[in-house]
Amino acid sequence: MRYKIDREKVRALSATEKSDFAKDWFGHFYADPVQEMPWIDGEYHFPYGGPYDASEEIYGNFEGLISEDEIAAIVDDLEAEGTHEWAPSGGHPSQIRVRDDFLTEQHEWLLETSIHYDSSDALAELDQFLREQENSAEGSLRLRMAFIQCWSVLEAYLANTLTKHAQQNKKIFEKLSNGLEAVRDQSFTAGALAKDPDAPSKMLVTHLQRALFHEPKRIRRYVEIAFEKFEALGIDIKPEMAVFAKMQSARHDCVHRNGKSIDGKLSTLTHVDVRRTLDAVKSYVDKVERLIDEPTPIEDLL
């Protein structure tokens, strides 16, 4: 795929600067598939286009600007860690189209869905499932599955709740846009805004949907940026935060190492651990809802 490049600008660069520019350019549009693509039946799948060849992409876009020998050296550097088939990155047009389609569908779903009800329903199912696992062995697959699902419900609830309120409440959108460094530090040219006036909103929603809401600090911070500090309303979330902090490493072991610790030992996750995590998620969701239910000043809705 050919992209618009300021060819005169590139021609004016030194050989080293051209090499750096080409590598940065490639890194904007392409990524190691381990970062973006699903791994199925022993291989990466490329549902959004690709795999792409670094040599073809660099040569196709920089032919006449960088010599063939220099392009070969750039490709060698890019492939030095063993990646020879590349996926489209988040900045690639195919990924942007997919993201825009997802955001449209997600927006429609959020408008029609009660996030709290949806989460409460999932937590009730988990509660019933866990009651049936009282005799499950320590570290069993069923306990690990229930434990991971507790975190999944929490993460989905926070991402969707924050997204929905940011889309419906201008004041909350501004709070999150100004309070989250990863969003606040982004800038848009007049041309980009003219082309897509919704670009800032899309960027915030994308950030919220991708945020890792299993880190205790983030679990608390994002909510307080959007709504209000828990302490200001006399809401104590220390018990829930303590559970999340204690169980965070177990979550990592279950999600990333199939229930094994970094030294290869199988999880010692107990029924009590999972119950404590589930109860903390339930309680935290309820406390967030108390923040949301606080009367909203009329000026925040305008």
Protein backbone atom coordinates (compact mmCIF):
# COMPACT_ATOMS: atom_id res chain seq x y z
CA MET A 1 0.00 0.00 0.00
CA ARG A 2 1.31 3.42 -0.91
CA TYR A 3 0.94 6.33 1.50
CA LYS A 4 1.29 10.05 1.04
CA ILE A 5 4.80 11.06 2.10
CA ASP A 6 6.39 14.50 1.95
CA ARG A 7 8.99 13.39 -0.57
CA GLU A 8 10.83 16.71 -0.67
CA LYS A 9 11.22 16.64 3.07
CA VAL A 10 12.64 13.12 2.96
CA ARG A 11 15.06 13.99 0.13
CA ALA A 12 16.52 16.77 2.26
CA LEU A 13 17.41 14.35 5.08
CA SER A 14 20.79 12.76 5.62
CA ALA A 15 21.18 9.00 5.08
CA THR A 16 20.90 8.35 8.83
CA GLU A 17 17.87 10.59 9.15
CA LYS A 18 16.21 8.87 6.19
CA SER A 19 16.77 5.50 7.83
CA ASP A 20 15.28 6.70 11.12
CA PHE A 21 12.35 8.31 9.32
CA ALA A 22 11.57 5.13 7.37
CA LYS A 23 11.70 2.99 10.51
CA ASP A 24 9.43 5.38 12.41
CA TRP A 25 7.08 5.48 9.43
CA PHE A 26 6.97 1.68 9.28
CA GLY A 27 6.36 1.43 13.04
CA HIS A 28 3.36 3.74 12.72
CA PHE A 29 1.57 1.58 10.18
CA TYR A 30 2.81 -1.96 10.98
CA ALA A 31 3.39 -4.07 14.08
CA ASP A 32 4.62 -7.45 15.19
CA PRO A 33 1.54 -9.71 14.93
CA VAL A 34 2.01 -10.78 18.55
CA GLN A 35 0.78 -7.29 19.52
CA GLU A 36 -2.30 -7.15 17.31
CA MET A 37 -3.37 -10.49 15.79
CA PRO A 38 -5.10 -13.61 17.17
CA TRP A 39 -3.11 -16.84 17.50
CA ILE A 40 -5.22 -19.77 16.33
CA ASP A 41 -4.18 -23.40 15.73
CA GLY A 42 -0.49 -22.62 15.93
CA GLU A 43 -0.36 -19.57 13.69
CA TYR A 44 -1.27 -15.90 13.56
CA HIS A 45 -4.40 -14.89 11.69
CA PHE A 46 -4.69 -11.53 9.95
CA PRO A 47 -8.38 -10.55 9.81
CA TYR A 48 -7.59 -6.88 9.15
CA GLY A 49 -5.20 -7.38 6.22
CA GLY A 50 -1.72 -8.76 5.80
CA PRO A 51 0.64 -10.28 6.49
CA TYR A 52 2.80 -7.50 5.12
CA ASP A 53 6.41 -7.74 3.98
CA ALA A 54 8.69 -5.01 5.33
CA SER A 55 10.81 -4.95 2.18
CA GLU A 56 7.78 -4.50 -0.09
CA GLU A 57 6.25 -1.77 2.06
CA ILE A 58 9.47 0.22 2.52
CA TYR A 59 10.48 -0.12 -1.13
CA GLY A 60 6.98 0.66 -2.40
CA ASN A 61 6.85 3.92 -0.45
CA PHE A 62 10.47 5.08 -0.46
CA GLU A 63 11.63 4.04 -3.93
CA GLY A 64 13.58 6.92 -5.41
CA LEU A 65 14.12 8.48 -2.00
CA ILE A 66 16.31 5.83 -0.40
CA SER A 67 18.73 3.58 -2.25
CA GLU A 68 18.06 -0.17 -2.53
CA ASP A 69 21.10 -0.94 -0.35
CA GLU A 70 19.86 1.45 2.34
CA ILE A 71 16.36 -0.05 2.17
CA ALA A 72 17.87 -3.53 2.58
CA ALA A 73 19.73 -2.32 5.70
CA ILE A 74 16.53 -0.79 7.12
CA VAL A 75 14.63 -4.03 6.57
CA ASP A 76 17.43 -6.03 8.21
CA ASP A 77 17.14 -3.79 11.28
CA LEU A 78 13.34 -4.16 11.37
CA GLU A 79 13.55 -7.94 11.08
CA ALA A 80 16.49 -8.32 13.47
CA GLU A 81 14.29 -9.78 16.22
CA GLY A 82 12.83 -12.42 13.93
CA THR A 83 9.61 -10.86 12.64
CA HIS A 84 9.21 -11.34 8.87
CA GLU A 85 5.43 -11.11 8.55
CA TRP A 86 3.86 -7.89 9.80
CA ALA A 87 0.36 -6.98 10.92
CA PRO A 88 -1.43 -3.66 10.43
CA SER A 89 -0.95 -1.49 13.51
CA GLY A 90 -3.56 0.67 15.17
CA GLY A 91 -2.53 3.50 12.82
CA HIS A 92 -3.06 1.46 9.66
CA PRO A 93 -6.12 2.42 7.55
CA SER A 94 -7.57 -1.09 7.78
CA GLN A 95 -7.42 -1.02 11.58
CA ILE A 96 -8.90 2.48 11.68
CA ARG A 97 -11.86 1.32 9.58
CA VAL A 98 -12.42 -1.66 11.87
CA ARG A 99 -12.14 0.58 14.95
CA ASP A 100 -14.61 3.09 13.54
CA ASP A 101 -17.10 0.30 12.77
CA PHE A 102 -16.64 -1.09 16.28
CA LEU A 103 -17.12 2.32 17.90
CA THR A 104 -20.35 2.84 15.95
CA GLU A 105 -21.70 -0.56 17.02
CA GLN A 106 -20.50 -0.06 20.59
CA HIS A 107 -22.15 3.36 20.78
CA GLU A 108 -25.48 1.92 19.65
CA TRP A 109 -25.19 -0.98 22.10
CA LEU A 110 -24.34 1.32 25.02
CA LEU A 111 -27.36 3.51 24.29
CA GLU A 112 -29.64 0.49 24.53
CA THR A 113 -27.98 -1.28 27.45
CA SER A 114 -28.04 -0.81 31.21
CA ILE A 115 -24.38 -1.44 32.02
CA HIS A 116 -25.12 -1.89 35.72
CA TYR A 117 -27.91 -4.39 35.05
CA ASP A 118 -25.76 -6.28 32.55
CA SER A 119 -22.87 -6.49 35.02
CA SER A 120 -25.13 -7.43 37.94
CA ASP A 121 -26.61 -10.24 35.87
CA ALA A 122 -23.14 -11.58 35.06
CA LEU A 123 -22.08 -11.35 38.70
CA ALA A 124 -25.21 -13.22 39.80
CA GLU A 125 -24.35 -16.02 37.37
CA LEU A 126 -20.84 -16.13 38.76
CA ASP A 127 -22.20 -16.23 42.30
CA GLN A 128 -24.36 -19.25 41.48
CA PHE A 129 -21.51 -20.99 39.67
CA LEU A 130 -19.17 -20.41 42.60
CA ARG A 131 -21.72 -21.86 45.04
CA GLU A 132 -21.52 -25.05 43.02
CA GLN A 133 -17.73 -25.17 43.30
CA GLU A 134 -17.33 -25.30 47.08
CA ASN A 135 -15.60 -28.66 46.86
CA SER A 136 -13.34 -27.76 43.92
CA ALA A 137 -9.67 -28.50 44.45
CA GLU A 138 -7.22 -25.70 45.10
CA GLY A 139 -6.08 -24.17 41.81
CA SER A 140 -8.62 -26.14 39.77
CA LEU A 141 -9.54 -25.04 36.26
CA ARG A 142 -13.09 -24.17 37.31
CA LEU A 143 -11.89 -21.90 40.10
CA ARG A 144 -9.41 -20.22 37.76
CA MET A 145 -12.14 -19.68 35.16
CA ALA A 146 -14.48 -18.13 37.72
CA PHE A 147 -11.65 -15.97 39.07
CA ILE A 148 -10.74 -14.62 35.62
CA GLN A 149 -14.39 -13.95 34.86
CA CYS A 150 -14.67 -11.82 38.02
CA TRP A 151 -11.97 -9.55 36.62
CA SER A 152 -13.52 -9.59 33.14
CA VAL A 153 -16.85 -8.35 34.49
CA LEU A 154 -15.10 -5.58 36.44
CA GLU A 155 -13.07 -4.46 33.42
CA ALA A 156 -16.07 -4.50 31.06
CA TYR A 157 -18.21 -2.62 33.58
CA LEU A 158 -15.64 0.15 34.06
CA ALA A 159 -14.78 0.52 30.35
CA ASN A 160 -18.41 0.59 29.25
CA THR A 161 -19.67 2.77 32.10
CA LEU A 162 -16.99 5.41 31.54
CA THR A 163 -17.49 5.27 27.77
CA LYS A 164 -21.26 5.65 28.01
CA HIS A 165 -21.11 8.62 30.36
CA ALA A 166 -18.34 10.30 28.36
CA GLN A 167 -20.48 10.04 25.24
CA GLN A 168 -23.62 11.34 26.95
CA ASN A 169 -22.22 13.98 29.28
CA LYS A 170 -20.06 16.80 27.93
CA LYS A 171 -18.61 17.60 31.36
CA ILE A 172 -17.47 14.02 31.93
CA PHE A 173 -15.98 13.92 28.44
CA GLU A 174 -13.98 17.05 29.25
CA LYS A 175 -12.86 15.70 32.64
CA LEU A 176 -11.55 12.48 31.13
CA SER A 177 -9.99 14.20 28.12
CA ASN A 178 -8.13 16.65 30.37
CA GLY A 179 -7.40 14.28 33.24
CA LEU A 180 -5.93 11.31 31.35
CA GLU A 181 -2.39 12.06 30.19
CA ALA A 182 -2.49 9.63 27.27
CA VAL A 183 -5.50 11.48 25.88
CA ARG A 184 -4.67 15.03 26.96
CA ASP A 185 -1.25 14.98 25.27
CA GLN A 186 -2.72 14.18 21.85
CA SER A 187 -3.30 16.98 19.38
CA PHE A 188 -5.33 17.31 16.19
CA THR A 189 -4.63 19.54 13.23
CA ALA A 190 -7.39 21.73 11.84
CA GLY A 191 -7.37 19.53 8.74
CA ALA A 192 -7.84 16.35 10.77
CA LEU A 193 -10.74 17.87 12.69
CA ALA A 194 -12.33 19.13 9.48
CA LYS A 195 -12.09 15.63 8.06
CA ASP A 196 -13.40 13.93 11.20
CA PRO A 197 -14.94 16.23 13.86
CA ASP A 198 -15.49 13.20 16.09
CA ALA A 199 -11.78 12.32 16.20
CA PRO A 200 -11.24 13.47 19.84
CA SER A 201 -14.28 11.50 21.01
CA LYS A 202 -13.17 8.40 19.10
CA MET A 203 -9.70 8.66 20.60
CA LEU A 204 -11.06 8.87 24.16
CA VAL A 205 -13.47 5.97 23.63
CA THR A 206 -10.72 3.85 22.08
CA HIS A 207 -8.47 4.59 25.06
CA LEU A 208 -11.22 3.67 27.55
CA GLN A 209 -12.07 0.46 25.74
CA ARG A 210 -8.42 -0.61 25.69
CA ALA A 211 -7.51 0.49 29.22
CA LEU A 212 -6.35 -2.27 31.56
CA PHE A 213 -8.83 -2.00 34.40
CA HIS A 214 -7.19 -4.62 36.58
CA GLU A 215 -4.62 -2.27 38.06
CA PRO A 216 -5.91 -0.99 41.43
CA LYS A 217 -4.71 2.59 40.88
CA ARG A 218 -6.40 2.78 37.48
CA ILE A 219 -9.58 1.12 38.78
CA ARG A 220 -9.93 4.00 41.20
CA ARG A 221 -8.35 6.92 39.33
CA TYR A 222 -10.40 6.81 36.13
CA VAL A 223 -13.67 6.69 38.04
CA GLU A 224 -12.71 9.61 40.27
CA ILE A 225 -11.62 11.71 37.30
CA ALA A 226 -14.97 11.17 35.62
CA PHE A 227 -17.28 11.49 38.59
CA GLU A 228 -16.16 12.42 42.10
CA LYS A 229 -13.72 11.28 44.75
CA PHE A 230 -15.18 8.46 46.81
CA GLU A 231 -14.11 10.07 50.09
CA ALA A 232 -15.97 13.27 49.20
CA LEU A 233 -19.20 11.31 49.46
CA GLY A 234 -18.12 9.27 52.46
CA ILE A 235 -17.68 6.09 50.42
CA ASP A 236 -14.91 3.80 51.68
CA ILE A 237 -13.35 1.64 48.95
CA LYS A 238 -10.23 0.60 50.88
CA PRO A 239 -11.52 -2.98 51.43
CA GLU A 240 -12.12 -3.53 47.70
CA MET A 241 -8.80 -1.93 46.71
CA ALA A 242 -6.98 -4.18 49.18
CA VAL A 243 -8.52 -7.30 47.61
CA PHE A 244 -7.73 -6.15 44.05
CA ALA A 245 -4.12 -5.40 45.02
CA LYS A 246 -3.70 -8.75 46.74
CA MET A 247 -5.21 -10.78 43.88
CA GLN A 248 -3.64 -8.88 40.98
CA SER A 249 -0.63 -11.19 40.64
CA ALA A 250 -2.90 -14.26 40.74
CA ARG A 251 -4.91 -12.74 37.91
CA HIS A 252 -1.74 -12.29 35.88
CA ASP A 253 -0.74 -15.92 36.47
CA CYS A 254 -4.16 -17.20 35.40
CA VAL A 255 -4.46 -14.99 32.31
CA HIS A 256 -0.88 -15.13 31.02
CA ARG A 257 0.60 -18.38 32.38
CA ASN A 258 -2.36 -20.76 32.54
CA GLY A 259 -2.49 -20.56 36.32
CA LYS A 260 1.23 -20.96 36.97
CA SER A 261 3.55 -18.58 38.77
CA ILE A 262 6.69 -17.22 37.13
CA ASP A 263 8.69 -20.10 38.59
CA GLY A 264 6.30 -22.68 37.12
CA LYS A 265 4.32 -23.56 40.24
CA LEU A 266 0.61 -24.26 39.75
CA SER A 267 -1.81 -21.74 41.22
CA THR A 268 -2.90 -22.21 44.83
CA LEU A 269 -6.07 -20.22 44.19
CA THR A 270 -8.78 -21.28 46.64
CA HIS A 271 -12.55 -21.06 46.70
CA VAL A 272 -12.19 -18.41 49.42
CA ASP A 273 -9.90 -16.34 47.16
CA VAL A 274 -12.40 -16.38 44.31
CA ARG A 275 -15.32 -15.62 46.63
CA ARG A 276 -13.44 -12.69 48.15
CA THR A 277 -12.65 -11.34 44.66
CA LEU A 278 -16.24 -11.73 43.47
CA ASP A 279 -17.59 -9.97 46.56
CA ALA A 280 -15.08 -7.13 46.08
CA VAL A 281 -16.16 -6.66 42.46
CA LYS A 282 -19.84 -6.63 43.46
CA SER A 283 -19.21 -4.12 46.21
CA TYR A 284 -17.04 -1.86 44.06
CA VAL A 285 -19.59 -1.79 41.23
CA ASP A 286 -22.29 -0.82 43.72
CA LYS A 287 -20.13 1.97 45.13
CA VAL A 288 -19.37 3.33 41.67
CA GLU A 289 -23.10 3.37 40.99
CA ARG A 290 -23.55 5.46 44.13
CA LEU A 291 -21.15 8.02 42.67
CA ILE A 292 -23.03 8.03 39.40
CA ASP A 293 -26.40 8.39 41.12
CA GLU A 294 -25.36 11.64 42.77
CA PRO A 295 -27.45 14.54 41.38
CA THR A 296 -25.80 16.02 38.29
CA PRO A 297 -25.68 19.85 38.10
CA ILE A 298 -27.77 21.06 35.18
CA GLU A 299 -24.75 22.87 33.66
CA ASP A 300 -22.96 19.51 33.31
CA LEU A 301 -25.67 18.32 30.96
CA LEU A 302 -25.54 21.33 28.64
